[in-house]
N, C-alpha and C. Protein backbone atom coordinates (compact mmCIF):
# COMPACT_ATOMS: atom_id res chain seq x y z
N MET A 1 -22.03 15.43 -17.62
CA MET A 1 -22.03 14.00 -17.82
C MET A 1 -23.07 13.38 -16.89
N ASP A 2 -23.89 12.50 -17.38
CA ASP A 2 -24.92 11.82 -16.60
C ASP A 2 -24.33 10.54 -16.05
N SER A 3 -23.95 10.54 -14.75
CA SER A 3 -23.27 9.38 -14.17
C SER A 3 -24.21 8.21 -13.95
N GLY A 4 -25.50 8.43 -13.99
CA GLY A 4 -26.44 7.35 -13.73
C GLY A 4 -26.74 6.51 -14.96
N ALA A 5 -26.44 7.02 -16.13
CA ALA A 5 -26.76 6.30 -17.36
C ALA A 5 -25.75 5.20 -17.62
N ALA A 6 -26.25 4.05 -18.04
CA ALA A 6 -25.36 2.94 -18.37
C ALA A 6 -24.77 3.18 -19.75
N ARG A 7 -23.48 2.97 -19.87
CA ARG A 7 -22.77 3.13 -21.13
C ARG A 7 -21.90 1.91 -21.35
N PRO A 8 -21.63 1.59 -22.59
CA PRO A 8 -20.70 0.50 -22.85
C PRO A 8 -19.33 0.83 -22.28
N ARG A 9 -18.60 -0.19 -21.85
CA ARG A 9 -17.27 0.00 -21.28
C ARG A 9 -16.40 0.78 -22.25
N GLY A 10 -15.74 1.84 -21.73
CA GLY A 10 -14.82 2.62 -22.53
C GLY A 10 -15.47 3.70 -23.37
N ALA A 11 -16.78 3.85 -23.32
CA ALA A 11 -17.44 4.86 -24.15
C ALA A 11 -17.53 6.18 -23.40
N GLY A 12 -17.73 7.23 -24.13
CA GLY A 12 -17.97 8.52 -23.50
C GLY A 12 -16.89 9.53 -23.80
N ALA A 13 -17.09 10.72 -23.30
CA ALA A 13 -16.21 11.84 -23.59
C ALA A 13 -14.88 11.74 -22.88
N ALA A 14 -14.74 10.86 -21.93
CA ALA A 14 -13.51 10.77 -21.17
C ALA A 14 -12.40 10.08 -21.94
N GLY A 15 -12.68 9.50 -23.08
CA GLY A 15 -11.64 8.86 -23.86
C GLY A 15 -11.53 7.38 -23.56
N ARG A 16 -10.39 6.82 -23.97
CA ARG A 16 -10.18 5.38 -23.88
C ARG A 16 -10.28 4.83 -22.47
N SER A 17 -9.62 5.47 -21.51
CA SER A 17 -9.58 4.91 -20.17
C SER A 17 -10.89 5.07 -19.44
N GLY A 18 -11.75 5.97 -19.90
CA GLY A 18 -13.02 6.19 -19.22
C GLY A 18 -12.89 7.09 -18.02
N ARG A 19 -11.74 7.75 -17.86
CA ARG A 19 -11.54 8.62 -16.71
C ARG A 19 -11.32 10.05 -17.16
N VAL A 20 -11.83 10.96 -16.38
CA VAL A 20 -11.60 12.38 -16.60
C VAL A 20 -10.72 12.84 -15.46
N LYS A 21 -9.58 13.40 -15.76
CA LYS A 21 -8.68 13.86 -14.72
C LYS A 21 -9.14 15.21 -14.20
N GLY A 22 -9.01 15.43 -12.92
CA GLY A 22 -9.38 16.70 -12.31
C GLY A 22 -8.24 17.70 -12.43
N SER A 23 -8.54 18.94 -12.18
CA SER A 23 -7.54 20.00 -12.17
C SER A 23 -8.05 21.09 -11.25
N VAL A 24 -7.27 22.12 -11.12
CA VAL A 24 -7.70 23.24 -10.29
C VAL A 24 -8.98 23.85 -10.85
N ASP A 25 -9.05 23.95 -12.19
CA ASP A 25 -10.22 24.53 -12.83
C ASP A 25 -11.40 23.56 -12.88
N ASN A 26 -11.11 22.26 -12.83
CA ASN A 26 -12.16 21.24 -12.89
C ASN A 26 -12.06 20.37 -11.65
N PRO A 27 -12.87 20.63 -10.63
CA PRO A 27 -12.75 19.89 -9.38
C PRO A 27 -13.24 18.44 -9.47
N ARG A 28 -13.81 18.03 -10.57
CA ARG A 28 -14.25 16.64 -10.73
C ARG A 28 -13.03 15.79 -11.03
N VAL A 29 -12.86 14.71 -10.28
CA VAL A 29 -11.70 13.85 -10.47
C VAL A 29 -12.12 12.42 -10.63
N ASP A 30 -11.38 11.70 -11.46
CA ASP A 30 -11.55 10.26 -11.62
C ASP A 30 -12.99 9.83 -11.80
N VAL A 31 -13.69 10.46 -12.70
CA VAL A 31 -15.06 10.09 -13.00
C VAL A 31 -15.00 9.05 -14.11
N THR A 32 -15.58 7.89 -13.87
CA THR A 32 -15.57 6.88 -14.91
C THR A 32 -16.75 7.09 -15.83
N ALA A 33 -16.49 7.03 -17.12
CA ALA A 33 -17.53 7.30 -18.10
C ALA A 33 -18.39 6.07 -18.36
N ASP A 34 -17.95 4.90 -17.87
CA ASP A 34 -18.70 3.69 -18.19
C ASP A 34 -19.75 3.35 -17.13
N GLY A 35 -20.00 4.24 -16.18
CA GLY A 35 -21.03 4.00 -15.19
C GLY A 35 -20.60 3.12 -14.04
N ASP A 36 -19.34 2.63 -14.04
CA ASP A 36 -18.86 1.77 -12.97
C ASP A 36 -18.45 2.56 -11.73
N GLY A 37 -18.19 3.84 -11.87
CA GLY A 37 -17.71 4.63 -10.74
C GLY A 37 -18.59 5.82 -10.48
N PRO A 38 -18.54 6.34 -9.27
CA PRO A 38 -19.37 7.48 -8.92
C PRO A 38 -18.80 8.78 -9.47
N ASP A 39 -19.65 9.74 -9.58
CA ASP A 39 -19.28 11.09 -10.01
C ASP A 39 -19.04 11.87 -8.72
N ARG A 40 -17.75 12.00 -8.33
CA ARG A 40 -17.41 12.62 -7.05
C ARG A 40 -16.71 13.95 -7.25
N SER A 41 -16.93 14.85 -6.32
CA SER A 41 -16.19 16.10 -6.30
C SER A 41 -14.79 15.82 -5.74
N ARG A 42 -13.92 16.79 -5.87
CA ARG A 42 -12.56 16.65 -5.33
C ARG A 42 -12.61 16.42 -3.82
N ALA A 43 -13.43 17.18 -3.11
CA ALA A 43 -13.53 17.04 -1.65
C ALA A 43 -14.05 15.65 -1.27
N GLU A 44 -15.02 15.14 -2.03
CA GLU A 44 -15.54 13.79 -1.75
C GLU A 44 -14.48 12.72 -2.02
N THR A 45 -13.67 12.93 -3.04
CA THR A 45 -12.60 11.99 -3.36
C THR A 45 -11.55 11.99 -2.26
N VAL A 46 -11.19 13.16 -1.77
CA VAL A 46 -10.22 13.26 -0.67
C VAL A 46 -10.78 12.54 0.56
N GLU A 47 -12.03 12.78 0.87
CA GLU A 47 -12.66 12.14 2.03
C GLU A 47 -12.67 10.62 1.88
N LEU A 48 -12.97 10.13 0.69
CA LEU A 48 -12.98 8.68 0.44
C LEU A 48 -11.57 8.10 0.60
N GLY A 49 -10.56 8.83 0.12
CA GLY A 49 -9.18 8.38 0.27
C GLY A 49 -8.76 8.30 1.73
N VAL A 50 -9.09 9.30 2.51
CA VAL A 50 -8.77 9.30 3.94
C VAL A 50 -9.49 8.14 4.63
N ASP A 51 -10.75 7.93 4.27
CA ASP A 51 -11.54 6.83 4.85
C ASP A 51 -10.92 5.48 4.51
N LEU A 52 -10.46 5.32 3.27
CA LEU A 52 -9.79 4.07 2.89
C LEU A 52 -8.54 3.86 3.74
N LEU A 53 -7.73 4.89 3.89
CA LEU A 53 -6.51 4.77 4.71
C LEU A 53 -6.85 4.41 6.15
N ALA A 54 -7.92 4.96 6.66
CA ALA A 54 -8.33 4.67 8.04
C ALA A 54 -8.74 3.22 8.23
N HIS A 55 -9.09 2.53 7.13
CA HIS A 55 -9.55 1.15 7.23
C HIS A 55 -8.53 0.13 6.74
N LEU A 56 -7.30 0.55 6.50
CA LEU A 56 -6.27 -0.40 6.08
C LEU A 56 -5.90 -1.32 7.24
N GLU A 57 -5.63 -2.57 6.92
CA GLU A 57 -5.27 -3.54 7.96
C GLU A 57 -3.82 -3.44 8.38
N ASP A 58 -2.99 -2.87 7.52
CA ASP A 58 -1.56 -2.78 7.80
C ASP A 58 -1.28 -1.66 8.80
N ALA A 59 -0.43 -1.95 9.78
CA ALA A 59 -0.04 -0.92 10.73
C ALA A 59 1.05 -0.03 10.15
N GLU A 60 1.78 -0.57 9.18
CA GLU A 60 2.87 0.16 8.57
C GLU A 60 3.03 -0.29 7.12
N LEU A 61 3.23 0.66 6.23
CA LEU A 61 3.38 0.36 4.80
C LEU A 61 4.47 1.20 4.18
N PRO A 62 5.21 0.63 3.23
CA PRO A 62 6.10 1.48 2.43
C PRO A 62 5.24 2.43 1.60
N LEU A 63 5.72 3.65 1.41
CA LEU A 63 4.94 4.66 0.69
C LEU A 63 4.47 4.18 -0.69
N PRO A 64 5.30 3.48 -1.49
CA PRO A 64 4.80 3.02 -2.80
C PRO A 64 3.58 2.09 -2.70
N GLU A 65 3.54 1.23 -1.68
CA GLU A 65 2.37 0.35 -1.50
C GLU A 65 1.14 1.15 -1.11
N LEU A 66 1.33 2.14 -0.27
CA LEU A 66 0.21 3.00 0.13
C LEU A 66 -0.33 3.76 -1.08
N LEU A 67 0.57 4.26 -1.91
CA LEU A 67 0.15 4.99 -3.11
C LEU A 67 -0.58 4.07 -4.08
N ASP A 68 -0.15 2.80 -4.17
CA ASP A 68 -0.85 1.84 -5.02
C ASP A 68 -2.30 1.69 -4.58
N ARG A 69 -2.53 1.67 -3.30
CA ARG A 69 -3.90 1.56 -2.80
C ARG A 69 -4.70 2.83 -3.03
N LEU A 70 -4.05 3.98 -2.89
CA LEU A 70 -4.75 5.24 -3.12
C LEU A 70 -5.10 5.43 -4.60
N GLU A 71 -4.38 4.77 -5.50
CA GLU A 71 -4.71 4.87 -6.92
C GLU A 71 -6.07 4.26 -7.23
N THR A 72 -6.63 3.50 -6.31
CA THR A 72 -7.98 2.99 -6.51
C THR A 72 -9.02 4.08 -6.26
N VAL A 73 -8.60 5.16 -5.62
CA VAL A 73 -9.48 6.30 -5.35
C VAL A 73 -9.25 7.41 -6.36
N THR A 74 -7.98 7.69 -6.66
CA THR A 74 -7.63 8.76 -7.58
C THR A 74 -6.29 8.46 -8.24
N THR A 75 -6.15 8.91 -9.47
CA THR A 75 -4.88 8.82 -10.17
C THR A 75 -4.23 10.19 -10.29
N SER A 76 -4.84 11.19 -9.72
CA SER A 76 -4.32 12.55 -9.75
C SER A 76 -3.27 12.73 -8.65
N PRO A 77 -2.03 13.08 -9.01
CA PRO A 77 -1.00 13.31 -7.98
C PRO A 77 -1.39 14.42 -7.00
N ALA A 78 -2.06 15.45 -7.48
CA ALA A 78 -2.47 16.56 -6.61
C ALA A 78 -3.50 16.09 -5.58
N VAL A 79 -4.45 15.30 -6.01
CA VAL A 79 -5.48 14.80 -5.10
C VAL A 79 -4.86 13.79 -4.13
N THR A 80 -3.96 12.94 -4.62
CA THR A 80 -3.27 11.98 -3.75
C THR A 80 -2.53 12.73 -2.65
N ARG A 81 -1.85 13.81 -3.02
CA ARG A 81 -1.14 14.63 -2.03
C ARG A 81 -2.12 15.20 -1.01
N GLU A 82 -3.28 15.67 -1.48
CA GLU A 82 -4.30 16.19 -0.56
C GLU A 82 -4.78 15.11 0.40
N VAL A 83 -4.99 13.89 -0.10
CA VAL A 83 -5.44 12.79 0.74
C VAL A 83 -4.40 12.54 1.84
N LEU A 84 -3.13 12.44 1.45
CA LEU A 84 -2.06 12.18 2.42
C LEU A 84 -1.96 13.30 3.46
N GLU A 85 -2.03 14.55 3.01
CA GLU A 85 -1.95 15.68 3.93
C GLU A 85 -3.13 15.69 4.90
N GLU A 86 -4.33 15.44 4.39
CA GLU A 86 -5.53 15.44 5.25
C GLU A 86 -5.49 14.27 6.23
N ALA A 87 -5.07 13.10 5.75
CA ALA A 87 -4.98 11.92 6.64
C ALA A 87 -3.94 12.17 7.73
N GLU A 88 -2.85 12.81 7.39
CA GLU A 88 -1.81 13.11 8.39
C GLU A 88 -2.33 14.16 9.39
N ARG A 89 -3.02 15.17 8.88
CA ARG A 89 -3.58 16.22 9.75
C ARG A 89 -4.57 15.64 10.75
N ARG A 90 -5.36 14.64 10.32
CA ARG A 90 -6.36 14.01 11.20
C ARG A 90 -5.78 12.93 12.10
N GLY A 91 -4.52 12.60 11.91
CA GLY A 91 -3.90 11.56 12.74
C GLY A 91 -4.15 10.14 12.25
N VAL A 92 -4.65 9.99 11.03
CA VAL A 92 -4.92 8.66 10.46
C VAL A 92 -3.61 7.99 10.06
N ILE A 93 -2.67 8.80 9.56
CA ILE A 93 -1.36 8.26 9.18
C ILE A 93 -0.27 9.14 9.76
N GLU A 94 0.93 8.58 9.79
CA GLU A 94 2.12 9.30 10.21
C GLU A 94 3.21 8.92 9.22
N ARG A 95 3.79 9.90 8.56
CA ARG A 95 4.81 9.62 7.54
C ARG A 95 6.20 9.89 8.10
N GLU A 96 7.11 8.96 7.78
CA GLU A 96 8.51 9.13 8.13
C GLU A 96 9.33 8.54 7.00
N ASP A 97 10.02 9.39 6.28
CA ASP A 97 10.78 8.99 5.09
C ASP A 97 9.84 8.28 4.11
N ALA A 98 10.14 7.04 3.76
CA ALA A 98 9.32 6.31 2.77
C ALA A 98 8.43 5.27 3.44
N VAL A 99 8.17 5.45 4.74
CA VAL A 99 7.32 4.51 5.49
C VAL A 99 6.14 5.28 6.08
N VAL A 100 4.96 4.67 6.00
CA VAL A 100 3.75 5.29 6.54
C VAL A 100 3.18 4.39 7.62
N ARG A 101 2.95 4.95 8.80
CA ARG A 101 2.28 4.22 9.88
C ARG A 101 0.80 4.58 9.85
N VAL A 102 -0.04 3.57 9.94
CA VAL A 102 -1.48 3.78 9.86
C VAL A 102 -2.07 3.70 11.27
N HIS A 103 -2.79 4.74 11.65
CA HIS A 103 -3.47 4.80 12.96
C HIS A 103 -4.97 4.90 12.72
N GLY A 104 -5.48 4.03 11.91
CA GLY A 104 -6.88 4.11 11.50
C GLY A 104 -7.84 3.55 12.52
N SER A 105 -9.09 3.55 12.12
CA SER A 105 -10.18 3.13 13.01
C SER A 105 -10.49 1.64 12.91
N GLY A 106 -9.81 0.94 12.04
CA GLY A 106 -10.07 -0.49 11.93
C GLY A 106 -10.07 -0.96 10.50
N PHE A 107 -10.14 -2.25 10.34
CA PHE A 107 -10.06 -2.86 9.03
C PHE A 107 -11.43 -3.00 8.39
N VAL A 108 -11.42 -3.35 7.11
CA VAL A 108 -12.65 -3.56 6.37
C VAL A 108 -13.19 -4.94 6.71
N ARG A 109 -14.37 -5.01 7.27
CA ARG A 109 -15.01 -6.28 7.58
C ARG A 109 -15.70 -6.78 6.31
N PHE A 110 -15.25 -7.94 5.84
CA PHE A 110 -15.79 -8.44 4.58
C PHE A 110 -17.26 -8.80 4.68
N ASP A 111 -17.71 -9.22 5.84
CA ASP A 111 -19.12 -9.60 5.97
C ASP A 111 -20.06 -8.40 5.95
N SER A 112 -19.60 -7.23 6.34
CA SER A 112 -20.50 -6.08 6.38
C SER A 112 -20.08 -4.92 5.47
N ARG A 113 -18.82 -4.81 5.12
CA ARG A 113 -18.34 -3.66 4.35
C ARG A 113 -18.06 -3.97 2.88
N VAL A 114 -18.00 -5.24 2.50
CA VAL A 114 -17.74 -5.59 1.10
C VAL A 114 -19.00 -6.19 0.50
N VAL A 115 -19.42 -5.60 -0.60
CA VAL A 115 -20.63 -6.05 -1.29
C VAL A 115 -20.22 -6.61 -2.64
N ARG A 116 -20.81 -7.74 -3.01
CA ARG A 116 -20.55 -8.35 -4.32
C ARG A 116 -21.73 -8.08 -5.23
N ARG A 117 -21.43 -7.73 -6.47
CA ARG A 117 -22.46 -7.52 -7.49
C ARG A 117 -22.04 -8.22 -8.76
N GLU A 118 -23.01 -8.84 -9.41
CA GLU A 118 -22.76 -9.49 -10.70
C GLU A 118 -22.98 -8.46 -11.80
N GLY A 119 -22.20 -8.56 -12.86
CA GLY A 119 -22.33 -7.64 -13.98
C GLY A 119 -21.05 -7.64 -14.80
N GLU A 120 -20.93 -6.69 -15.68
CA GLU A 120 -19.72 -6.52 -16.48
C GLU A 120 -18.98 -5.31 -15.94
N PHE A 121 -17.84 -5.55 -15.30
CA PHE A 121 -17.06 -4.50 -14.68
C PHE A 121 -15.62 -4.57 -15.13
N SER A 122 -14.89 -3.50 -14.88
CA SER A 122 -13.44 -3.47 -15.00
C SER A 122 -12.91 -3.21 -13.60
N CYS A 123 -11.97 -4.03 -13.16
CA CYS A 123 -11.40 -3.86 -11.82
C CYS A 123 -10.75 -2.49 -11.73
N ARG A 124 -11.08 -1.76 -10.70
CA ARG A 124 -10.58 -0.41 -10.50
C ARG A 124 -9.09 -0.40 -10.19
N ARG A 125 -8.54 -1.51 -9.74
CA ARG A 125 -7.11 -1.57 -9.43
C ARG A 125 -6.29 -2.02 -10.61
N CYS A 126 -6.67 -3.12 -11.26
CA CYS A 126 -5.82 -3.69 -12.32
C CYS A 126 -6.41 -3.55 -13.72
N GLY A 127 -7.69 -3.19 -13.84
CA GLY A 127 -8.30 -2.98 -15.14
C GLY A 127 -8.85 -4.23 -15.81
N THR A 128 -8.69 -5.39 -15.20
CA THR A 128 -9.17 -6.64 -15.78
C THR A 128 -10.70 -6.66 -15.82
N GLY A 129 -11.24 -7.22 -16.89
CA GLY A 129 -12.69 -7.40 -16.97
C GLY A 129 -13.14 -8.47 -15.98
N ILE A 130 -14.17 -8.18 -15.22
CA ILE A 130 -14.65 -9.11 -14.20
C ILE A 130 -16.17 -9.23 -14.27
N GLY A 131 -16.68 -10.39 -13.89
CA GLY A 131 -18.12 -10.64 -13.87
C GLY A 131 -18.73 -10.41 -12.50
N THR A 132 -17.90 -10.50 -11.47
CA THR A 132 -18.34 -10.23 -10.10
C THR A 132 -17.50 -9.10 -9.56
N GLY A 133 -18.14 -7.98 -9.25
CA GLY A 133 -17.44 -6.83 -8.69
C GLY A 133 -17.58 -6.81 -7.18
N HIS A 134 -16.47 -6.55 -6.51
CA HIS A 134 -16.46 -6.40 -5.05
C HIS A 134 -16.33 -4.90 -4.76
N PHE A 135 -17.25 -4.37 -3.98
CA PHE A 135 -17.29 -2.95 -3.66
C PHE A 135 -17.11 -2.78 -2.15
N ILE A 136 -16.26 -1.83 -1.76
CA ILE A 136 -16.04 -1.53 -0.34
C ILE A 136 -16.97 -0.39 0.04
N ARG A 137 -17.78 -0.62 1.06
CA ARG A 137 -18.64 0.43 1.60
C ARG A 137 -17.92 1.11 2.75
N LEU A 138 -17.57 2.36 2.55
CA LEU A 138 -16.93 3.16 3.58
C LEU A 138 -17.89 4.26 3.99
N ASP A 139 -17.62 4.90 5.09
CA ASP A 139 -18.50 5.98 5.55
C ASP A 139 -18.57 7.10 4.51
N ALA A 140 -17.46 7.35 3.82
CA ALA A 140 -17.40 8.44 2.84
C ALA A 140 -17.98 8.06 1.48
N GLY A 141 -18.29 6.79 1.27
CA GLY A 141 -18.85 6.36 -0.01
C GLY A 141 -18.42 4.95 -0.35
N GLU A 142 -18.73 4.56 -1.56
CA GLU A 142 -18.43 3.21 -2.03
C GLU A 142 -17.26 3.25 -2.99
N LEU A 143 -16.38 2.26 -2.88
CA LEU A 143 -15.20 2.18 -3.73
C LEU A 143 -15.17 0.84 -4.43
N GLY A 144 -14.97 0.85 -5.73
CA GLY A 144 -14.90 -0.38 -6.49
C GLY A 144 -15.32 -0.12 -7.91
N PRO A 145 -15.47 -1.12 -8.69
CA PRO A 145 -15.40 -2.55 -8.37
C PRO A 145 -13.96 -3.08 -8.39
N PHE A 146 -13.76 -4.17 -7.66
CA PHE A 146 -12.49 -4.87 -7.62
C PHE A 146 -12.74 -6.34 -7.89
N GLY A 147 -11.75 -7.01 -8.45
CA GLY A 147 -11.80 -8.45 -8.60
C GLY A 147 -11.51 -9.11 -7.27
N SER A 148 -11.65 -10.43 -7.20
CA SER A 148 -11.50 -11.14 -5.93
C SER A 148 -10.10 -11.03 -5.34
N SER A 149 -9.06 -11.02 -6.14
CA SER A 149 -7.72 -10.90 -5.58
C SER A 149 -7.37 -9.44 -5.29
N CYS A 150 -7.82 -8.52 -6.12
CA CYS A 150 -7.51 -7.10 -5.89
C CYS A 150 -8.21 -6.55 -4.65
N ILE A 151 -9.39 -7.03 -4.33
CA ILE A 151 -10.07 -6.55 -3.13
C ILE A 151 -9.23 -6.89 -1.88
N ARG A 152 -8.60 -8.07 -1.91
CA ARG A 152 -7.74 -8.45 -0.78
C ARG A 152 -6.48 -7.61 -0.73
N LYS A 153 -5.93 -7.25 -1.89
CA LYS A 153 -4.73 -6.43 -1.93
C LYS A 153 -5.04 -5.00 -1.46
N VAL A 154 -6.15 -4.45 -1.90
CA VAL A 154 -6.52 -3.08 -1.53
C VAL A 154 -6.75 -2.97 -0.03
N THR A 155 -7.36 -3.96 0.56
CA THR A 155 -7.66 -3.90 1.99
C THR A 155 -6.49 -4.35 2.87
N GLY A 156 -5.47 -4.95 2.25
CA GLY A 156 -4.31 -5.40 3.02
C GLY A 156 -4.39 -6.82 3.49
N ARG A 157 -5.33 -7.58 2.98
CA ARG A 157 -5.45 -8.99 3.37
C ARG A 157 -4.48 -9.89 2.63
N GLU A 158 -3.90 -9.35 1.54
CA GLU A 158 -2.98 -10.14 0.73
C GLU A 158 -1.90 -9.21 0.20
N GLU A 159 -0.68 -9.69 0.19
CA GLU A 159 0.44 -8.90 -0.34
C GLU A 159 0.56 -9.05 -1.82
């Protein structure tokens, strides 16, 4: 799949959702066929997930809320589990029952880490069509696009 080529929203071999799910045999995960998302390997996706967790503003989150945010990186339960295990191993998070404590390196600074781009996008969190995409620049890569309210929810600025 040529990730650099522009395609109409929803087009491509990935089917309706535009996503290709990863597996043990296929290490490519959550590749969007519409050109809105990067073509990442499983290891790159795990790294991006850990980086996102390290930049959450919340000191403590219920596990379902944390998983909601990780779904912006991957929808694969296996990859989500890898992200959580790696983040815990590195000391980024600490899990106890259904609560996760975040010991990250800091929050997402909107003036330097969030980039706005005009175009035709689908929000990576809610799927709504948007004209202005907000992208989070993390050390491990770029995550997005998000709409104006979803970017605040993903970063923890809004409940």
